[in-house]
């Protein structure tokens, strides 16, 4: 990969500190060393890119998992309250059903009473 392309990739990917070594020296050994260094730099650039992609994927996965968990929790809570209200109405405890809808403490007590 030529120096300009490499520099452009580093800028686009916000990869600081991965500069191409100075190309002004000459000689086949020095050129080989530089080529190896450039390859190492490119490997490091791709490692950084892969790591950033993984981190971004992990963050997205966590957010999606939280949303799914919230939805499941909300659904279960609604089902549980529905079951409680149904039990209370079946037992003719209408006033307590209304109280359970308003008061979390009363609702909790009734959940225990009905083993819900």
C-alpha atoms as a PDB file:
ATOM      1  CA  UNK A   1       0.000   0.000   0.000  1.00  0.00           C
ATOM      2  CA  UNK A   2       1.467   3.361  -0.870  1.00  0.00           C
ATOM      3  CA  UNK A   3       2.132   6.024   1.737  1.00  0.00           C
ATOM      4  CA  UNK A   4      -0.678   8.342   0.626  1.00  0.00           C
ATOM      5  CA  UNK A   5      -3.282   5.562   0.788  1.00  0.00           C
ATOM      6  CA  UNK A   6      -2.023   4.515   4.204  1.00  0.00           C
ATOM      7  CA  UNK A   7      -2.123   8.097   5.492  1.00  0.00           C
ATOM      8  CA  UNK A   8      -5.643   8.527   4.156  1.00  0.00           C
ATOM      9  CA  UNK A   9      -6.774   5.344   5.935  1.00  0.00           C
ATOM     10  CA  UNK A  10      -5.207   6.525   9.183  1.00  0.00           C
ATOM     11  CA  UNK A  11      -7.024   9.860   8.932  1.00  0.00           C
ATOM     12  CA  UNK A  12     -10.352   8.286   7.969  1.00  0.00           C
ATOM     13  CA  UNK A  13     -10.142   5.689  10.747  1.00  0.00           C
ATOM     14  CA  UNK A  14      -8.785   8.207  13.268  1.00  0.00           C
ATOM     15  CA  UNK A  15      -5.713   6.049  13.847  1.00  0.00           C
ATOM     16  CA  UNK A  16      -3.158   8.384  15.394  1.00  0.00           C
ATOM     17  CA  UNK A  17       0.425   7.343  15.983  1.00  0.00           C
ATOM     18  CA  UNK A  18       0.698   4.947  13.059  1.00  0.00           C
ATOM     19  CA  UNK A  19       2.838   7.060  10.797  1.00  0.00           C
ATOM     20  CA  UNK A  20       4.749   5.657   7.864  1.00  0.00           C
ATOM     21  CA  UNK A  21       8.495   5.586   8.566  1.00  0.00           C
ATOM     22  CA  UNK A  22      10.692   8.127   6.754  1.00  0.00           C
ATOM     23  CA  UNK A  23      11.305   6.913   3.196  1.00  0.00           C
ATOM     24  CA  UNK A  24      14.314   9.127   2.457  1.00  0.00           C
ATOM     25  CA  UNK A  25      16.923   6.449   3.377  1.00  0.00           C
ATOM     26  CA  UNK A  26      17.961   4.057   0.655  1.00  0.00           C
ATOM     27  CA  UNK A  27      19.413   0.563   0.385  1.00  0.00           C
ATOM     28  CA  UNK A  28      17.787  -2.812   0.018  1.00  0.00           C
ATOM     29  CA  UNK A  29      18.136  -3.789   3.709  1.00  0.00           C
ATOM     30  CA  UNK A  30      16.657  -0.506   4.806  1.00  0.00           C
ATOM     31  CA  UNK A  31      13.840  -0.824   2.275  1.00  0.00           C
ATOM     32  CA  UNK A  32      13.057  -4.352   3.524  1.00  0.00           C
ATOM     33  CA  UNK A  33      13.047  -3.119   7.106  1.00  0.00           C
ATOM     34  CA  UNK A  34      10.713  -0.298   6.161  1.00  0.00           C
ATOM     35  CA  UNK A  35       8.406  -2.670   4.324  1.00  0.00           C
ATOM     36  CA  UNK A  36       8.222  -4.903   7.366  1.00  0.00           C
ATOM     37  CA  UNK A  37       7.514  -1.906   9.576  1.00  0.00           C
ATOM     38  CA  UNK A  38       4.776  -0.732   7.223  1.00  0.00           C
ATOM     39  CA  UNK A  39       3.197  -4.192   7.297  1.00  0.00           C
ATOM     40  CA  UNK A  40       3.338  -4.168  11.094  1.00  0.00           C
ATOM     41  CA  UNK A  41       1.744  -0.717  11.103  1.00  0.00           C
ATOM     42  CA  UNK A  42      -1.044  -1.911   8.790  1.00  0.00           C
ATOM     43  CA  UNK A  43      -1.618  -4.999  10.916  1.00  0.00           C
ATOM     44  CA  UNK A  44      -1.821  -2.784  13.983  1.00  0.00           C
ATOM     45  CA  UNK A  45      -4.229  -0.447  12.172  1.00  0.00           C
ATOM     46  CA  UNK A  46      -6.499  -3.370  11.306  1.00  0.00           C
ATOM     47  CA  UNK A  47      -6.265  -4.728  14.859  1.00  0.00           C
ATOM     48  CA  UNK A  48      -7.394  -1.349  16.175  1.00  0.00           C
ATOM     49  CA  UNK A  49     -10.215  -1.214  13.631  1.00  0.00           C
ATOM     50  CA  UNK A  50     -11.365  -4.727  14.568  1.00  0.00           C
ATOM     51  CA  UNK A  51     -11.217  -3.901  18.279  1.00  0.00           C
ATOM     52  CA  UNK A  52     -13.262  -0.735  17.781  1.00  0.00           C
ATOM     53  CA  UNK A  53     -15.821  -2.667  15.752  1.00  0.00           C
ATOM     54  CA  UNK A  54     -16.101  -5.287  18.469  1.00  0.00           C
ATOM     55  CA  UNK A  55     -16.571  -2.637  21.143  1.00  0.00           C
ATOM     56  CA  UNK A  56     -19.251  -0.924  19.085  1.00  0.00           C
ATOM     57  CA  UNK A  57     -20.998  -4.261  18.492  1.00  0.00           C
ATOM     58  CA  UNK A  58     -20.838  -5.060  22.195  1.00  0.00           C
ATOM     59  CA  UNK A  59     -22.403  -1.682  23.080  1.00  0.00           C
ATOM     60  CA  UNK A  60     -25.170  -2.187  20.528  1.00  0.00           C
ATOM     61  CA  UNK A  61     -25.785  -5.707  21.826  1.00  0.00           C
ATOM     62  CA  UNK A  62     -26.045  -4.466  25.399  1.00  0.00           C
ATOM     63  CA  UNK A  63     -28.524  -1.770  24.414  1.00  0.00           C
ATOM     64  CA  UNK A  64     -30.635  -4.253  22.470  1.00  0.00           C
ATOM     65  CA  UNK A  65     -30.519  -6.693  25.378  1.00  0.00           C
ATOM     66  CA  UNK A  66     -31.626  -3.988  27.802  1.00  0.00           C
ATOM     67  CA  UNK A  67     -34.550  -3.056  25.579  1.00  0.00           C
ATOM     68  CA  UNK A  68     -35.648  -6.694  25.255  1.00  0.00           C
ATOM     69  CA  UNK A  69     -35.316  -7.174  29.003  1.00  0.00           C
ATOM     70  CA  UNK A  70     -37.394  -4.097  29.716  1.00  0.00           C
ATOM     71  CA  UNK A  71     -40.087  -5.256  27.303  1.00  0.00           C
ATOM     72  CA  UNK A  72     -40.182  -8.732  28.881  1.00  0.00           C
ATOM     73  CA  UNK A  73     -40.292  -7.273  32.376  1.00  0.00           C
ATOM     74  CA  UNK A  74     -43.114  -4.917  31.454  1.00  0.00           C
ATOM     75  CA  UNK A  75     -45.092  -7.763  29.894  1.00  0.00           C
ATOM     76  CA  UNK A  76     -44.582 -10.038  32.914  1.00  0.00           C
ATOM     77  CA  UNK A  77     -45.569  -7.237  35.263  1.00  0.00           C
ATOM     78  CA  UNK A  78     -48.762  -6.593  33.333  1.00  0.00           C
ATOM     79  CA  UNK A  79     -49.573 -10.311  33.329  1.00  0.00           C
ATOM     80  CA  UNK A  80     -48.920 -10.552  37.050  1.00  0.00           C
ATOM     81  CA  UNK A  81     -51.127  -7.550  37.828  1.00  0.00           C
ATOM     82  CA  UNK A  82     -53.823  -8.946  35.562  1.00  0.00           C
ATOM     83  CA  UNK A  83     -53.710 -12.248  37.430  1.00  0.00           C
ATOM     84  CA  UNK A  84     -53.961 -10.461  40.764  1.00  0.00           C
ATOM     85  CA  UNK A  85     -56.916  -8.345  39.675  1.00  0.00           C
ATOM     86  CA  UNK A  86     -58.653 -11.443  38.269  1.00  0.00           C
ATOM     87  CA  UNK A  87     -58.159 -13.310  41.582  1.00  0.00           C
ATOM     88  CA  UNK A  88     -59.399 -10.361  43.628  1.00  0.00           C
ATOM     89  CA  UNK A  89     -62.471  -9.890  41.464  1.00  0.00           C
ATOM     90  CA  UNK A  90     -63.207 -13.628  41.567  1.00  0.00           C
ATOM     91  CA  UNK A  91     -63.117 -13.420  45.363  1.00  0.00           C
ATOM     92  CA  UNK A  92     -65.350 -10.325  45.379  1.00  0.00           C
ATOM     93  CA  UNK A  93     -62.576  -8.123  46.753  1.00  0.00           C
ATOM     94  CA  UNK A  94     -63.297  -5.165  44.458  1.00  0.00           C
ATOM     95  CA  UNK A  95     -62.056  -2.464  46.842  1.00  0.00           C
ATOM     96  CA  UNK A  96     -58.742  -4.278  47.271  1.00  0.00           C
ATOM     97  CA  UNK A  97     -58.398  -4.608  43.487  1.00  0.00           C
ATOM     98  CA  UNK A  98     -58.709  -0.829  43.186  1.00  0.00           C
ATOM     99  CA  UNK A  99     -56.241  -0.374  46.050  1.00  0.00           C
ATOM    100  CA  UNK A 100     -53.767  -2.788  44.441  1.00  0.00           C
ATOM    101  CA  UNK A 101     -53.898  -0.776  41.241  1.00  0.00           C
ATOM    102  CA  UNK A 102     -52.882   2.407  43.120  1.00  0.00           C
ATOM    103  CA  UNK A 103     -50.638   1.240  45.970  1.00  0.00           C
ATOM    104  CA  UNK A 104     -47.438  -0.743  45.367  1.00  0.00           C
ATOM    105  CA  UNK A 105     -47.229  -1.853  48.994  1.00  0.00           C
ATOM    106  CA  UNK A 106     -50.772  -3.220  48.957  1.00  0.00           C
ATOM    107  CA  UNK A 107     -50.091  -4.852  45.598  1.00  0.00           C
ATOM    108  CA  UNK A 108     -46.966  -6.537  46.998  1.00  0.00           C
ATOM    109  CA  UNK A 109     -48.881  -7.843  50.013  1.00  0.00           C
ATOM    110  CA  UNK A 110     -51.599  -9.247  47.759  1.00  0.00           C
ATOM    111  CA  UNK A 111     -49.035 -10.865  45.422  1.00  0.00           C
ATOM    112  CA  UNK A 112     -47.699 -12.755  48.448  1.00  0.00           C
ATOM    113  CA  UNK A 113     -51.162 -13.660  49.640  1.00  0.00           C
ATOM    114  CA  UNK A 114     -52.077 -15.132  46.249  1.00  0.00           C
ATOM    115  CA  UNK A 115     -48.563 -16.543  45.652  1.00  0.00           C
ATOM    116  CA  UNK A 116     -48.176 -14.574  42.443  1.00  0.00           C
END
